[in-house]
Amino acid sequence: MVPTQDDSKTTTKFRVAICGGGIAGICLALSLSKYPDIQVDLYEAAARFTEIGAGLTVQGRTWKPLELMGVDATLRKAAAAANNVATTFQVMMEKKVAEGLPEFSKYAEPVWTGTIAYRVLVPVDRLPSFVLEKPALKKPLLHCGKNKHVVTYCIAQGTMLNVVALVSQPELSDTVYDGPWATECNPAEMVDSFLDWEPRVREVLKLAEKPIKWAIHDLRPLPIYVSHNVALVGDSAHAMTPHQGSGAGQAIEDAYILGSLLGHPSTTIDTLPHALKAYEHVRLPLANNVLTCSRDAGLIYDFRSECGDDYEAIGATLSHAWDWMGEDGVEEQLQKALLNMMEALK
C-alpha cells in the first residue's frame, strides 16, 4: 500500500496504490471505496482472478470487519451457494521495501517450514460406510501423529469432505524449497505417506483424485509493517502457516483498520505518517502473535512441541492456543489506533 498525492484533482486528498489482488488487497480496496476523496489503484500481476482452492476460514472475529465493510450479506449467499466457491491464496512480498531497508531483508523472504500439505476434496457419497459413521461429517476432526497430521471437515453444504494431510521434515525447516509452492501431484505420493495410519485415514486418502501439494511457508515476525508512505498488509506483513486457519482473517483485519485510518478526516498527505504508524501500533503485535501461535500449533499437532505425544499435555496446551481470539476485535483496535494517531497529532 503506497499513498501518493494527486495534484490533478482538488477533491482527492491522496491516491492509494495497492500492490496485489489477494484477500488483503481486495478488502483494503473495498474498505477505501466508501471514501470518495481517496483514489485507489489496485495492481495485480495475474491477468485475471482465479480460484486455486485454498479456501477461506471465516472465524467469529473475522466476520465483524466483513460486516462493517458491508459484504456480510453477499458472503452469506456465497457460502450457501456454489460447491466450487473458494478464495485465492497467494504470498505477496513487497521486495522493494527490503531493497530500501537492508536490515529488513533477512525477514522479507518467506521461509519453508519443512511441511508439505496435500489438499483434496472428496465427495461424501463416495465415502465408505464405516467412515460415514465417524464424527468427521458432524464436526472438524484432527488426526495427530509424529511429524504428520490430517484435518477433515465438511464443506459445500455437507456434500464434500475437505481433507488436508500434512507431512513435515523438521530438518528442512527454514530452508529454501526447491520446486513450485503449489502444484498437482500423484495421489500415491500422499497415500504412501500414511500407509501405517488407521484405516479410516487411509481409506479417505485413497479416494483422492487430484490432490494439490502445497509447500507451507511463513515469515519470521517482522519488526516493522510501515516505512515512509509504504504499509504492509496481509501475507506481505505476516504470511503464516494454516494451522489455525487465521491468515486470511488477519489480512481482513489489516485491511479494515488501515482503510479506516486512511479515510479518517484527520488523515491528509501531511498527517499520513501518523496514520500509518497508528496502523502498525495496533496490528503488528497482534498479527505477529497469531503468526507465532499458528506455527506453534503445527508443532503440537505433529508431536514436535514440548508436549511430545502426551495427550493430556497436548489438550491442556491447545485449550489456550486460541486465547488470542479473545483479544481486541477490529472496533477496539481502531479506537486504540485513532487514539494513538490523535496523540501524535497534538
Protein backbone atom coordinates (compact mmCIF):
# COMPACT_ATOMS: atom_id res chain seq x y z
CA MET A 1 0.00 0.00 0.00
CA VAL A 2 1.63 3.22 -1.20
CA PRO A 3 -0.26 6.54 -0.82
CA THR A 4 0.76 9.43 -3.08
CA GLN A 5 -0.56 12.95 -3.51
CA ASP A 6 -2.73 13.70 -6.54
CA ASP A 7 -2.39 17.32 -7.65
CA SER A 8 -4.66 16.89 -10.65
CA LYS A 9 -7.85 16.62 -8.65
CA THR A 10 -8.57 19.08 -5.88
CA THR A 11 -11.25 16.78 -4.43
CA THR A 12 -8.79 13.91 -3.97
CA LYS A 13 -6.71 14.14 -0.79
CA PHE A 14 -4.36 11.38 -1.95
CA ARG A 15 -4.09 8.26 -4.06
CA VAL A 16 -3.51 4.78 -2.69
CA ALA A 17 -1.68 2.17 -4.75
CA ILE A 18 -2.47 -1.38 -3.64
CA CYS A 19 0.08 -3.92 -4.86
CA GLY A 20 -1.52 -7.36 -5.04
CA GLY A 21 -5.09 -8.54 -5.52
CA GLY A 22 -5.20 -11.15 -2.79
CA ILE A 23 -7.68 -11.08 0.08
CA ALA A 24 -5.83 -8.22 1.82
CA GLY A 25 -5.60 -6.09 -1.31
CA ILE A 26 -9.20 -6.61 -2.30
CA CYS A 27 -10.50 -5.92 1.20
CA LEU A 28 -8.36 -2.79 1.51
CA ALA A 29 -9.77 -1.51 -1.78
CA LEU A 30 -13.24 -2.33 -0.50
CA SER A 31 -12.61 -0.57 2.81
CA LEU A 32 -11.40 2.54 0.97
CA SER A 33 -14.25 2.53 -1.55
CA LYS A 34 -16.55 4.41 0.82
CA TYR A 35 -14.21 7.41 0.89
CA PRO A 36 -14.77 9.44 -2.32
CA ASP A 37 -11.77 11.69 -1.62
CA ILE A 38 -9.32 8.78 -1.90
CA GLN A 39 -8.38 7.43 -5.32
CA VAL A 40 -7.49 3.74 -5.27
CA ASP A 41 -5.37 1.92 -7.86
CA LEU A 42 -5.07 -1.85 -7.43
CA TYR A 43 -2.19 -3.58 -9.21
CA GLU A 44 -2.27 -7.35 -9.75
CA ALA A 45 0.29 -9.28 -11.80
CA ALA A 46 -2.17 -12.00 -12.84
CA ALA A 47 -4.27 -11.34 -15.93
CA ARG A 48 -7.40 -12.46 -14.12
CA PHE A 49 -8.56 -13.60 -10.70
CA THR A 50 -8.70 -17.37 -10.35
CA GLU A 51 -9.78 -19.91 -7.75
CA ILE A 52 -6.93 -22.19 -6.75
CA GLY A 53 -8.67 -23.98 -3.95
CA ALA A 54 -7.15 -22.90 -0.65
CA GLY A 55 -10.47 -21.77 0.78
CA LEU A 56 -11.19 -19.10 3.36
CA THR A 57 -11.86 -19.69 7.03
CA VAL A 58 -14.18 -17.03 8.45
CA GLN A 59 -13.95 -17.03 12.24
CA GLY A 60 -16.10 -15.00 14.59
CA ARG A 61 -13.68 -12.11 14.88
CA THR A 62 -13.21 -12.11 11.09
CA TRP A 63 -16.93 -11.67 10.45
CA LYS A 64 -17.09 -8.29 12.20
CA PRO A 65 -14.82 -6.38 9.74
CA LEU A 66 -16.61 -8.01 6.82
CA GLU A 67 -19.89 -6.85 8.32
CA LEU A 68 -18.52 -3.34 8.85
CA MET A 69 -17.36 -3.26 5.23
CA GLY A 70 -20.86 -4.20 4.12
CA VAL A 71 -20.14 -7.53 2.43
CA ASP A 72 -21.63 -9.90 5.01
CA ALA A 73 -24.90 -10.39 3.10
CA THR A 74 -23.05 -11.18 -0.12
CA LEU A 75 -20.77 -13.65 1.63
CA ARG A 76 -23.71 -15.39 3.27
CA LYS A 77 -25.12 -16.05 -0.19
CA ALA A 78 -21.75 -17.23 -1.47
CA ALA A 79 -21.27 -19.60 1.45
CA ALA A 80 -24.61 -21.22 0.77
CA ALA A 81 -24.34 -21.30 -3.00
CA ALA A 82 -21.81 -22.86 -5.34
CA ASN A 83 -19.89 -26.00 -4.43
CA ASN A 84 -16.72 -24.63 -6.03
CA VAL A 85 -16.59 -21.36 -4.11
CA ALA A 86 -13.07 -20.73 -2.88
CA THR A 87 -10.79 -17.78 -2.43
CA THR A 88 -7.40 -17.10 -3.86
CA PHE A 89 -4.43 -17.84 -1.63
CA GLN A 90 -1.12 -16.31 -2.54
CA VAL A 91 2.02 -14.98 -0.91
CA MET A 92 2.70 -11.36 -1.82
CA MET A 93 6.07 -9.89 -0.93
CA GLU A 94 6.95 -6.23 -1.42
CA LYS A 95 10.65 -6.73 -2.20
CA LYS A 96 11.19 -3.04 -2.90
CA VAL A 97 10.75 -2.38 0.81
CA ALA A 98 13.57 -4.78 1.60
CA GLU A 99 15.80 -3.20 -1.02
CA GLY A 100 15.44 0.16 0.71
CA LEU A 101 15.92 -1.29 4.19
CA PRO A 102 18.93 -3.64 4.32
CA GLU A 103 18.24 -4.51 7.96
CA PHE A 104 14.77 -5.65 6.88
CA SER A 105 15.92 -8.01 4.13
CA LYS A 106 16.52 -11.02 6.38
CA TYR A 107 12.82 -11.01 7.25
CA ALA A 108 11.40 -10.26 3.80
CA GLU A 109 11.50 -13.67 2.15
CA PRO A 110 9.10 -16.38 3.31
CA VAL A 111 10.85 -19.48 4.62
CA TRP A 112 9.80 -23.07 4.10
CA THR A 113 8.59 -24.64 7.30
CA GLY A 114 9.65 -28.11 6.15
CA THR A 115 5.97 -29.06 5.81
CA ILE A 116 4.10 -30.27 2.74
CA ALA A 117 0.30 -30.10 2.78
CA TYR A 118 -1.80 -32.24 0.46
CA ARG A 119 -5.33 -30.96 -0.05
CA VAL A 120 -8.17 -32.77 -1.75
CA LEU A 121 -11.96 -32.65 -1.83
CA VAL A 122 -13.75 -36.00 -1.55
CA PRO A 123 -17.47 -36.35 -2.39
CA VAL A 124 -19.25 -37.55 0.73
CA ASP A 125 -21.29 -40.06 -1.26
CA ARG A 126 -18.06 -41.89 -2.14
CA LEU A 127 -17.00 -42.43 1.47
CA PRO A 128 -17.12 -46.00 2.88
CA SER A 129 -19.92 -46.70 5.35
CA PHE A 130 -17.54 -47.14 8.31
CA VAL A 131 -16.16 -43.66 7.63
CA LEU A 132 -19.64 -42.16 7.49
CA GLU A 133 -20.31 -43.48 10.98
CA LYS A 134 -17.44 -41.44 12.40
CA PRO A 135 -17.84 -37.85 13.65
CA ALA A 136 -15.94 -36.31 10.73
CA LEU A 137 -19.13 -35.30 8.96
CA LYS A 138 -20.52 -33.55 12.03
CA LYS A 139 -17.51 -31.51 13.12
CA PRO A 140 -13.87 -30.90 12.12
CA LEU A 141 -11.60 -33.80 13.01
CA LEU A 142 -7.85 -33.66 13.61
CA HIS A 143 -5.70 -36.80 13.44
CA CYS A 144 -2.27 -36.31 15.03
CA GLY A 145 0.92 -38.31 14.59
CA LYS A 146 4.70 -37.96 14.64
CA ASN A 147 5.62 -35.32 12.05
CA LYS A 148 2.23 -35.71 10.39
CA HIS A 149 -1.38 -34.73 10.90
CA VAL A 150 -4.62 -34.85 8.93
CA VAL A 151 -7.53 -32.42 9.13
CA THR A 152 -11.00 -33.24 7.77
CA TYR A 153 -14.22 -31.26 7.72
CA CYS A 154 -17.27 -30.94 5.51
CA ILE A 155 -17.94 -28.04 3.14
CA ALA A 156 -20.41 -27.27 0.33
CA GLN A 157 -23.49 -27.90 2.46
CA GLY A 158 -22.13 -31.25 3.65
CA THR A 159 -21.62 -32.74 0.18
CA MET A 160 -17.81 -32.60 0.13
CA LEU A 161 -15.21 -33.65 2.68
CA ASN A 162 -12.24 -31.28 2.73
CA VAL A 163 -9.08 -33.23 3.52
CA VAL A 164 -5.71 -31.68 4.35
CA ALA A 165 -2.87 -34.13 5.03
CA LEU A 166 0.38 -32.58 6.25
CA VAL A 167 3.81 -34.19 6.30
CA SER A 168 6.78 -32.48 7.97
CA GLN A 169 10.53 -32.92 7.69
CA PRO A 170 11.80 -30.94 10.69
CA GLU A 171 15.39 -30.99 9.47
CA LEU A 172 14.31 -28.96 6.40
CA SER A 173 12.58 -26.21 8.35
CA ASP A 174 13.80 -22.71 7.40
CA THR A 175 15.44 -23.94 4.20
CA VAL A 176 14.70 -23.00 0.59
CA TYR A 177 12.06 -25.18 -1.05
CA ASP A 178 13.15 -26.50 -4.44
CA GLY A 179 10.11 -26.51 -6.70
CA PRO A 180 6.73 -24.82 -7.19
CA TRP A 181 4.98 -23.94 -3.97
CA ALA A 182 1.63 -25.30 -5.17
CA THR A 183 1.09 -27.99 -7.78
CA GLU A 184 -0.97 -31.09 -8.53
CA CYS A 185 0.70 -34.33 -7.56
CA ASN A 186 0.28 -38.07 -7.93
CA PRO A 187 -2.23 -39.33 -5.30
CA ALA A 188 0.17 -42.17 -4.46
CA GLU A 189 2.65 -39.66 -3.06
CA MET A 190 0.11 -38.60 -0.44
CA VAL A 191 -1.29 -42.08 0.24
CA ASP A 192 2.15 -43.64 0.71
CA SER A 193 2.96 -41.12 3.43
CA PHE A 194 0.18 -42.54 5.62
CA LEU A 195 0.36 -46.29 4.96
CA ASP A 196 0.84 -47.07 8.66
CA TRP A 197 -2.08 -44.89 9.81
CA GLU A 198 -5.52 -46.01 10.93
CA PRO A 199 -7.88 -47.48 8.29
CA ARG A 200 -10.23 -44.51 8.28
CA VAL A 201 -7.48 -42.09 7.25
CA ARG A 202 -6.08 -44.47 4.64
CA GLU A 203 -9.47 -45.09 3.04
CA VAL A 204 -10.27 -41.39 2.80
CA LEU A 205 -6.89 -40.59 1.25
CA LYS A 206 -7.28 -43.41 -1.29
CA LEU A 207 -10.27 -41.56 -2.72
CA ALA A 208 -8.11 -38.59 -3.67
CA GLU A 209 -8.00 -38.00 -7.42
CA LYS A 210 -6.13 -34.73 -7.97
CA PRO A 211 -4.51 -33.62 -4.72
CA ILE A 212 -2.85 -30.23 -4.59
CA LYS A 213 0.58 -30.27 -2.99
CA TRP A 214 1.50 -27.13 -1.04
CA ALA A 215 4.91 -26.24 0.36
CA ILE A 216 3.97 -24.39 3.54
CA HIS A 217 5.91 -21.17 4.01
CA ASP A 218 5.70 -18.40 6.56
CA LEU A 219 7.56 -15.26 7.57
CA ARG A 220 9.72 -14.56 10.54
CA PRO A 221 7.86 -11.97 12.63
CA LEU A 222 8.66 -8.59 11.11
CA PRO A 223 9.99 -5.73 13.26
CA ILE A 224 8.04 -3.13 11.26
CA TYR A 225 5.00 -3.01 8.96
CA VAL A 226 5.50 0.60 7.82
CA SER A 227 8.28 2.54 6.12
CA HIS A 228 7.69 6.11 4.99
CA ASN A 229 4.47 6.00 2.91
CA VAL A 230 4.50 2.22 2.44
CA ALA A 231 2.48 -0.14 4.64
CA LEU A 232 2.46 -3.93 4.51
CA VAL A 233 -0.83 -5.78 4.82
CA GLY A 234 -1.81 -9.44 4.71
CA ASP A 235 0.78 -12.03 3.72
CA SER A 236 3.39 -9.38 2.94
CA ALA A 237 3.27 -8.46 6.64
CA HIS A 238 2.63 -11.79 8.33
CA ALA A 239 2.43 -14.79 5.99
CA MET A 240 1.61 -17.66 8.31
CA THR A 241 1.03 -21.38 8.37
CA PRO A 242 -2.55 -22.68 8.05
CA HIS A 243 -2.59 -24.50 11.38
CA GLN A 244 -5.07 -22.10 13.00
CA GLY A 245 -6.90 -21.06 9.82
CA SER A 246 -6.19 -17.41 10.60
CA GLY A 247 -4.07 -15.94 7.81
CA ALA A 248 -6.93 -14.55 5.75
CA GLY A 249 -8.73 -13.31 8.86
CA GLN A 250 -5.69 -11.33 9.94
CA ALA A 251 -5.39 -9.89 6.43
CA ILE A 252 -9.00 -8.73 6.59
CA GLU A 253 -8.39 -7.07 9.96
CA ASP A 254 -5.37 -5.29 8.45
CA ALA A 255 -7.48 -4.02 5.58
CA TYR A 256 -10.30 -2.71 7.75
CA ILE A 257 -8.01 -0.92 10.22
CA LEU A 258 -5.78 0.63 7.57
CA GLY A 259 -8.70 1.65 5.37
CA SER A 260 -10.50 3.27 8.29
CA LEU A 261 -7.40 5.22 9.31
CA LEU A 262 -6.67 6.42 5.78
CA GLY A 263 -10.27 7.52 5.37
CA HIS A 264 -10.41 9.41 8.67
CA PRO A 265 -10.98 13.18 8.28
CA SER A 266 -7.75 13.91 10.17
CA THR A 267 -5.65 11.92 7.70
CA THR A 268 -4.11 14.05 4.96
CA ILE A 269 -0.98 13.68 2.88
CA ASP A 270 0.84 15.61 5.64
CA THR A 271 -0.52 13.59 8.56
CA LEU A 272 -0.29 10.28 6.69
CA PRO A 273 2.83 9.05 8.54
CA HIS A 274 0.94 9.25 11.84
CA ALA A 275 -1.97 7.23 10.41
CA LEU A 276 0.37 4.53 9.13
CA LYS A 277 2.23 4.35 12.43
CA ALA A 278 -1.10 4.04 14.25
CA TYR A 279 -1.94 1.09 11.98
CA GLU A 280 1.39 -0.52 12.81
CA HIS A 281 0.91 0.23 16.51
CA VAL A 282 -2.18 -1.97 16.79
CA ARG A 283 -1.70 -4.55 14.05
CA LEU A 284 1.94 -5.58 14.34
CA PRO A 285 1.89 -7.09 17.86
CA LEU A 286 -1.42 -8.86 17.36
CA ALA A 287 -0.75 -10.30 13.89
CA ASN A 288 2.81 -11.32 14.77
CA ASN A 289 1.47 -13.17 17.80
CA VAL A 290 -1.04 -15.05 15.65
CA LEU A 291 1.77 -15.94 13.22
CA THR A 292 3.77 -17.45 16.08
CA CYS A 293 0.77 -19.24 17.59
CA SER A 294 -0.04 -20.78 14.22
CA ARG A 295 3.42 -22.23 13.77
CA ASP A 296 3.42 -23.48 17.38
CA ALA A 297 0.09 -25.22 16.80
CA GLY A 298 1.58 -27.18 13.91
CA LEU A 299 4.40 -28.37 16.16
CA ILE A 300 1.87 -29.56 18.73
CA TYR A 301 -0.18 -31.46 16.13
CA ASP A 302 2.99 -33.21 14.94
CA PHE A 303 4.15 -34.19 18.46
CA ARG A 304 7.16 -31.87 17.99
CA SER A 305 6.45 -29.46 20.82
CA GLU A 306 7.46 -29.78 24.47
CA CYS A 307 4.24 -31.77 24.94
CA GLY A 308 5.55 -34.58 22.76
CA ASP A 309 2.84 -37.23 22.43
CA ASP A 310 1.45 -36.64 25.93
CA TYR A 311 -2.25 -36.32 25.11
CA GLU A 312 -3.14 -34.62 28.38
CA ALA A 313 -0.42 -32.02 27.92
CA ILE A 314 -1.47 -31.51 24.31
CA GLY A 315 -5.08 -30.99 25.32
CA ALA A 316 -4.14 -28.54 28.08
CA THR A 317 -1.88 -26.56 25.75
CA LEU A 318 -4.34 -26.46 22.86
CA SER A 319 -7.08 -25.25 25.19
CA HIS A 320 -5.14 -21.96 25.34
CA ALA A 321 -3.79 -21.95 21.78
CA TRP A 322 -6.62 -19.71 20.58
CA ASP A 323 -6.59 -17.30 23.53
CA TRP A 324 -5.69 -14.51 21.10
CA MET A 325 -9.19 -14.87 19.60
CA GLY A 326 -10.48 -13.06 22.69
CA GLU A 327 -8.13 -10.10 22.27
CA ASP A 328 -9.23 -6.77 20.82
CA GLY A 329 -11.50 -7.04 17.80
CA VAL A 330 -11.33 -4.54 14.95
CA GLU A 331 -13.57 -1.99 16.66
CA GLU A 332 -11.36 -1.91 19.76
CA GLN A 333 -8.21 -1.91 17.63
CA LEU A 334 -9.48 1.02 15.60
CA GLN A 335 -10.22 3.04 18.73
CA LYS A 336 -6.70 2.41 20.02
CA ALA A 337 -5.22 3.31 16.64
CA LEU A 338 -7.20 6.54 16.45
CA LEU A 339 -6.12 7.45 19.98
CA ASN A 340 -2.50 6.79 19.00
CA MET A 341 -2.86 8.95 15.89
CA MET A 342 -4.56 11.82 17.73
CA GLU A 343 -1.85 11.82 20.40
CA ALA A 344 0.78 12.06 17.67
CA LEU A 345 -1.06 14.98 16.04
CA LYS A 346 -1.08 17.11 19.20
